[in-house]
Amino acid sequence: MDLLPALCLCLLICSGAAFSHQTGSEVIRKIVKEDQDALLFCALDGTNIAEDVFDWKTDGSSRHEVFVYRGSSYGDHLPGQDAHFKDRVFHFPEQLAVGNASIVIRKTQVTDSGNYTCYFPFHEPRRRAQYELIVGAAQDPFIVYNKTSDGVLLQCVVRRAFPKPRVEWRDSSGSILTTEPTFTQKDMSFDVFLRATVTRSGFYRCVATQEEIHNEVFTETYVPGPGQSVFKF
């Protein structure tokens, strides 16, 4: 291979890799539990940005202003910040001199979930960081127990879950009972209802699994035989 074509090929590959890194084209997934704080990191290569401008926005069909810094004015002191983020988003004033444009979203809510981008409008590349923020929530399942003519009806209820969970009934051997849940959605959260009719005494567990955030919660109950009482764990 001639030296010149090889050199050109190397320059194209290396330049492309550097450009991808600098623009923050890779979306970083950030997972937190509801009510925890979320740190979203963004920086301008050690440059003093105390008199600069940077901007955090949500992405999607309706873009919202999360936080904007303009010289010594920022956040709640400037017009345009979405009311959803008011008094909940903070930056690091003492680290502006080293280029730190990171923000913290305090006491995250499920509705904070989404894509966030950090911009420096007067620098190239403008886009410096991209995040997919997932705020997970799931209450422990609640079990309702009723005797019927067919056996015992177990109903499991999982409230305000996000992301959408997989909910299953399992018997004491770990086998999954075949039954289909029903879902209702409000804003971004899901309520899940799962029924199962059983005819044997023993322990039964309702399990809610959210694989995206590596979370699993459960509640267990005991279906008694004749003359016994029901227990929940």
Protein backbone atom coordinates (compact mmCIF):
# COMPACT_ATOMS: atom_id res chain seq x y z
CA MET A 1 0.00 0.00 0.00
CA ASP A 2 1.28 3.50 -0.86
CA LEU A 3 2.19 5.66 2.09
CA LEU A 4 -0.09 8.60 1.15
CA PRO A 5 -3.39 6.63 0.90
CA ALA A 6 -2.54 4.83 4.14
CA LEU A 7 -1.86 8.15 5.86
CA CYS A 8 -5.14 9.63 4.57
CA LEU A 9 -7.08 6.58 5.78
CA CYS A 10 -5.50 6.88 9.22
CA LEU A 11 -6.38 10.58 9.42
CA LEU A 12 -10.01 9.89 8.51
CA ILE A 13 -10.37 7.14 11.12
CA CYS A 14 -8.59 9.07 13.87
CA SER A 15 -10.44 12.31 13.14
CA GLY A 16 -13.79 10.53 13.17
CA ALA A 17 -13.06 8.90 16.53
CA ALA A 18 -11.94 12.19 18.07
CA PHE A 19 -15.00 14.03 16.73
CA SER A 20 -17.34 11.40 18.18
CA HIS A 21 -15.69 11.71 21.58
CA GLN A 22 -15.68 15.51 21.64
CA THR A 23 -19.32 15.92 20.63
CA GLY A 24 -20.48 13.49 23.27
CA SER A 25 -22.35 11.50 20.62
CA GLU A 26 -22.55 8.54 22.97
CA VAL A 27 -25.61 8.74 25.19
CA ILE A 28 -24.81 7.90 28.81
CA ARG A 29 -27.52 6.04 30.70
CA LYS A 30 -28.00 7.28 34.26
CA ILE A 31 -30.26 5.31 36.62
CA VAL A 32 -31.40 6.60 40.01
CA LYS A 33 -34.24 5.78 42.37
CA GLU A 34 -37.02 8.28 42.92
CA ASP A 35 -36.13 10.97 45.52
CA GLN A 36 -32.40 10.44 44.97
CA ASP A 37 -30.24 13.18 43.42
CA ALA A 38 -28.97 12.80 39.83
CA LEU A 39 -25.56 14.17 38.83
CA LEU A 40 -25.20 14.90 35.09
CA PHE A 41 -21.57 15.59 34.17
CA CYS A 42 -20.47 18.09 31.51
CA ALA A 43 -17.18 19.97 31.10
CA LEU A 44 -15.26 22.21 28.69
CA ASP A 45 -11.75 20.76 28.84
CA GLY A 46 -10.40 22.75 31.79
CA THR A 47 -11.37 26.14 30.31
CA ASN A 48 -12.54 28.87 32.68
CA ILE A 49 -16.27 29.22 31.93
CA ALA A 50 -17.17 31.71 34.69
CA GLU A 51 -18.05 34.34 32.04
CA ASP A 52 -19.29 31.84 29.46
CA VAL A 53 -22.70 30.42 28.55
CA PHE A 54 -23.87 26.83 28.87
CA ASP A 55 -27.30 25.32 28.70
CA TRP A 56 -28.98 22.05 29.74
CA LYS A 57 -32.14 21.03 27.87
CA THR A 58 -34.34 17.97 27.63
CA ASP A 59 -34.60 16.39 24.19
CA GLY A 60 -37.64 15.12 22.34
CA SER A 61 -40.69 16.60 20.66
CA SER A 62 -41.09 19.24 23.40
CA ARG A 63 -37.74 20.55 24.61
CA HIS A 64 -37.63 22.04 28.08
CA GLU A 65 -35.11 24.38 29.66
CA VAL A 66 -33.52 22.57 32.59
CA PHE A 67 -30.73 24.97 33.54
CA VAL A 68 -28.95 27.86 31.82
CA TYR A 69 -25.82 29.73 32.92
CA ARG A 70 -24.94 33.15 31.48
CA GLY A 71 -21.98 34.75 33.16
CA SER A 72 -22.96 35.41 36.75
CA SER A 73 -26.68 34.80 36.10
CA TYR A 74 -28.11 31.31 36.14
CA GLY A 75 -31.00 28.97 36.83
CA ASP A 76 -33.93 30.52 38.67
CA HIS A 77 -32.48 34.00 38.13
CA LEU A 78 -33.09 33.79 34.37
CA PRO A 79 -36.39 33.55 32.45
CA GLY A 80 -37.26 30.43 30.51
CA GLN A 81 -36.50 27.65 32.98
CA ASP A 82 -39.27 25.06 32.97
CA ALA A 83 -41.36 25.26 36.15
CA HIS A 84 -40.88 21.52 36.69
CA PHE A 85 -37.18 22.12 37.47
CA LYS A 86 -37.49 25.32 39.48
CA ASP A 87 -35.51 25.24 42.76
CA ARG A 88 -34.35 21.65 42.04
CA VAL A 89 -31.36 22.08 39.70
CA PHE A 90 -27.95 23.26 40.90
CA HIS A 91 -24.49 23.69 39.39
CA PHE A 92 -20.97 23.95 40.86
CA PRO A 93 -19.95 27.66 40.99
CA GLU A 94 -16.60 26.91 42.63
CA GLN A 95 -15.62 24.65 39.71
CA LEU A 96 -16.48 26.97 36.81
CA ALA A 97 -12.82 28.03 36.64
CA VAL A 98 -11.86 24.50 35.57
CA GLY A 99 -14.68 24.14 33.04
CA ASN A 100 -17.19 22.13 35.08
CA ALA A 101 -20.72 22.64 33.73
CA SER A 102 -22.26 19.68 35.54
CA ILE A 103 -25.64 19.91 37.24
CA VAL A 104 -27.45 18.08 40.03
CA ILE A 105 -31.19 17.44 39.91
CA ARG A 106 -32.39 17.22 43.51
CA LYS A 107 -35.04 14.76 44.70
CA THR A 108 -35.69 13.24 41.30
CA GLN A 109 -39.18 12.32 40.20
CA VAL A 110 -40.34 9.69 37.73
CA THR A 111 -41.36 12.52 35.40
CA ASP A 112 -37.70 13.64 35.26
CA SER A 113 -36.95 10.55 33.16
CA GLY A 114 -35.86 11.41 29.64
CA ASN A 115 -32.94 12.61 27.53
CA TYR A 116 -30.78 15.57 28.57
CA THR A 117 -28.16 17.48 26.57
CA CYS A 118 -25.48 19.95 27.69
CA TYR A 119 -24.75 22.75 25.18
CA PHE A 120 -22.06 25.40 24.85
CA PRO A 121 -23.65 27.65 22.19
CA PHE A 122 -20.49 29.72 21.52
CA HIS A 123 -18.08 26.80 21.20
CA GLU A 124 -17.56 24.04 18.68
CA PRO A 125 -18.74 21.40 19.03
CA ARG A 126 -21.80 22.86 20.79
CA ARG A 127 -23.05 19.56 22.20
CA ARG A 128 -20.83 18.31 25.04
CA ALA A 129 -22.79 15.63 26.88
CA GLN A 130 -25.94 13.56 26.40
CA TYR A 131 -27.74 11.54 29.05
CA GLU A 132 -30.66 9.19 29.22
CA LEU A 133 -31.96 9.62 32.76
CA ILE A 134 -34.14 6.86 34.17
CA VAL A 135 -35.78 7.55 37.52
CA GLY A 136 -37.00 4.22 38.81
CA ALA A 137 -39.82 3.67 41.28
CA ALA A 138 -41.74 0.66 42.54
CA GLN A 139 -43.62 0.14 45.76
CA ASP A 140 -43.69 -3.29 47.35
CA PRO A 141 -46.59 -5.37 45.98
CA PHE A 142 -49.80 -5.34 48.01
CA ILE A 143 -51.76 -8.59 48.24
CA VAL A 144 -55.52 -8.96 48.63
CA TYR A 145 -56.82 -12.42 49.62
CA ASN A 146 -60.39 -13.70 49.11
CA LYS A 147 -61.96 -17.15 49.35
CA THR A 148 -64.21 -18.15 46.46
CA SER A 149 -66.16 -21.23 45.44
CA ASP A 150 -63.26 -22.14 43.11
CA GLY A 151 -60.50 -21.80 45.70
CA VAL A 152 -58.62 -18.73 46.89
CA LEU A 153 -58.38 -15.60 44.76
CA LEU A 154 -55.08 -13.77 45.18
CA GLN A 155 -54.80 -10.26 43.81
CA CYS A 156 -51.47 -8.45 43.64
CA VAL A 157 -51.32 -4.68 43.23
CA VAL A 158 -48.14 -2.73 42.37
CA ARG A 159 -48.52 1.05 42.49
CA ARG A 160 -46.60 3.88 40.77
CA ALA A 161 -43.99 1.73 39.06
CA PHE A 162 -41.52 2.99 36.46
CA PRO A 163 -40.17 1.59 34.22
CA LYS A 164 -43.09 -0.72 33.44
CA PRO A 165 -42.52 -3.86 35.54
CA ARG A 166 -43.02 -7.52 34.84
CA VAL A 167 -45.30 -8.87 37.58
CA GLU A 168 -45.67 -12.59 38.32
CA TRP A 169 -47.22 -14.93 40.84
CA ARG A 170 -44.90 -17.73 41.98
CA ASP A 171 -45.69 -20.71 44.18
CA SER A 172 -43.46 -22.13 46.93
CA SER A 173 -41.44 -24.13 44.39
CA GLY A 174 -40.70 -21.00 42.35
CA SER A 175 -42.98 -22.01 39.48
CA ILE A 176 -44.74 -19.14 37.72
CA LEU A 177 -48.54 -19.21 37.72
CA THR A 178 -49.92 -18.51 34.25
CA THR A 179 -51.97 -15.33 34.43
CA GLU A 180 -52.04 -11.99 32.61
CA PRO A 181 -51.69 -8.63 34.41
CA THR A 182 -53.67 -5.50 33.64
CA PHE A 183 -52.02 -2.08 33.56
CA THR A 184 -53.21 1.47 34.07
CA GLN A 185 -50.94 4.44 33.39
CA LYS A 186 -50.89 7.93 34.86
CA ASP A 187 -48.24 10.35 33.61
CA MET A 188 -45.25 8.00 33.32
CA SER A 189 -46.07 5.61 36.19
CA PHE A 190 -47.88 2.28 35.99
CA ASP A 191 -50.31 0.57 38.35
CA VAL A 192 -50.34 -3.19 37.84
CA PHE A 193 -53.05 -5.67 38.88
CA LEU A 194 -52.48 -9.43 38.74
CA ARG A 195 -54.96 -12.09 39.83
CA ALA A 196 -54.53 -15.81 40.36
CA THR A 197 -56.90 -18.44 41.73
CA VAL A 198 -55.18 -21.21 43.70
CA THR A 199 -56.55 -24.41 45.19
CA ARG A 200 -53.58 -25.62 47.24
CA SER A 201 -52.34 -24.33 50.57
CA GLY A 202 -48.79 -23.00 50.74
CA PHE A 203 -46.68 -19.91 50.21
CA TYR A 204 -47.29 -17.66 47.20
CA ARG A 205 -45.15 -14.72 46.18
CA CYS A 206 -45.98 -11.72 43.99
CA VAL A 207 -42.80 -10.50 42.29
CA ALA A 208 -42.33 -7.22 40.39
CA THR A 209 -39.19 -7.06 38.23
CA GLN A 210 -37.76 -4.02 36.42
CA GLU A 211 -34.85 -5.29 34.37
CA GLU A 212 -33.83 -1.85 33.08
CA ILE A 213 -32.93 -0.68 36.58
CA HIS A 214 -32.00 -4.10 38.00
CA ASN A 215 -34.75 -3.91 40.61
CA GLU A 216 -36.93 -6.67 42.04
CA VAL A 217 -39.42 -6.41 44.90
CA PHE A 218 -41.88 -8.97 46.24
CA THR A 219 -44.50 -9.69 48.87
CA GLU A 220 -45.28 -13.20 50.06
CA THR A 221 -48.46 -14.65 51.55
CA TYR A 222 -49.49 -18.01 52.92
CA VAL A 223 -52.71 -19.63 51.73
CA PRO A 224 -53.91 -21.76 54.64
CA GLY A 225 -55.56 -25.10 54.69
CA PRO A 226 -58.81 -25.70 56.61
CA GLY A 227 -58.75 -24.08 60.06
CA GLN A 228 -55.56 -22.08 59.41
CA SER A 229 -55.04 -18.31 59.14
CA VAL A 230 -53.52 -16.28 56.30
CA PHE A 231 -50.12 -14.61 56.73
CA LYS A 232 -48.33 -11.95 54.67
CA PHE A 233 -44.58 -11.41 54.64
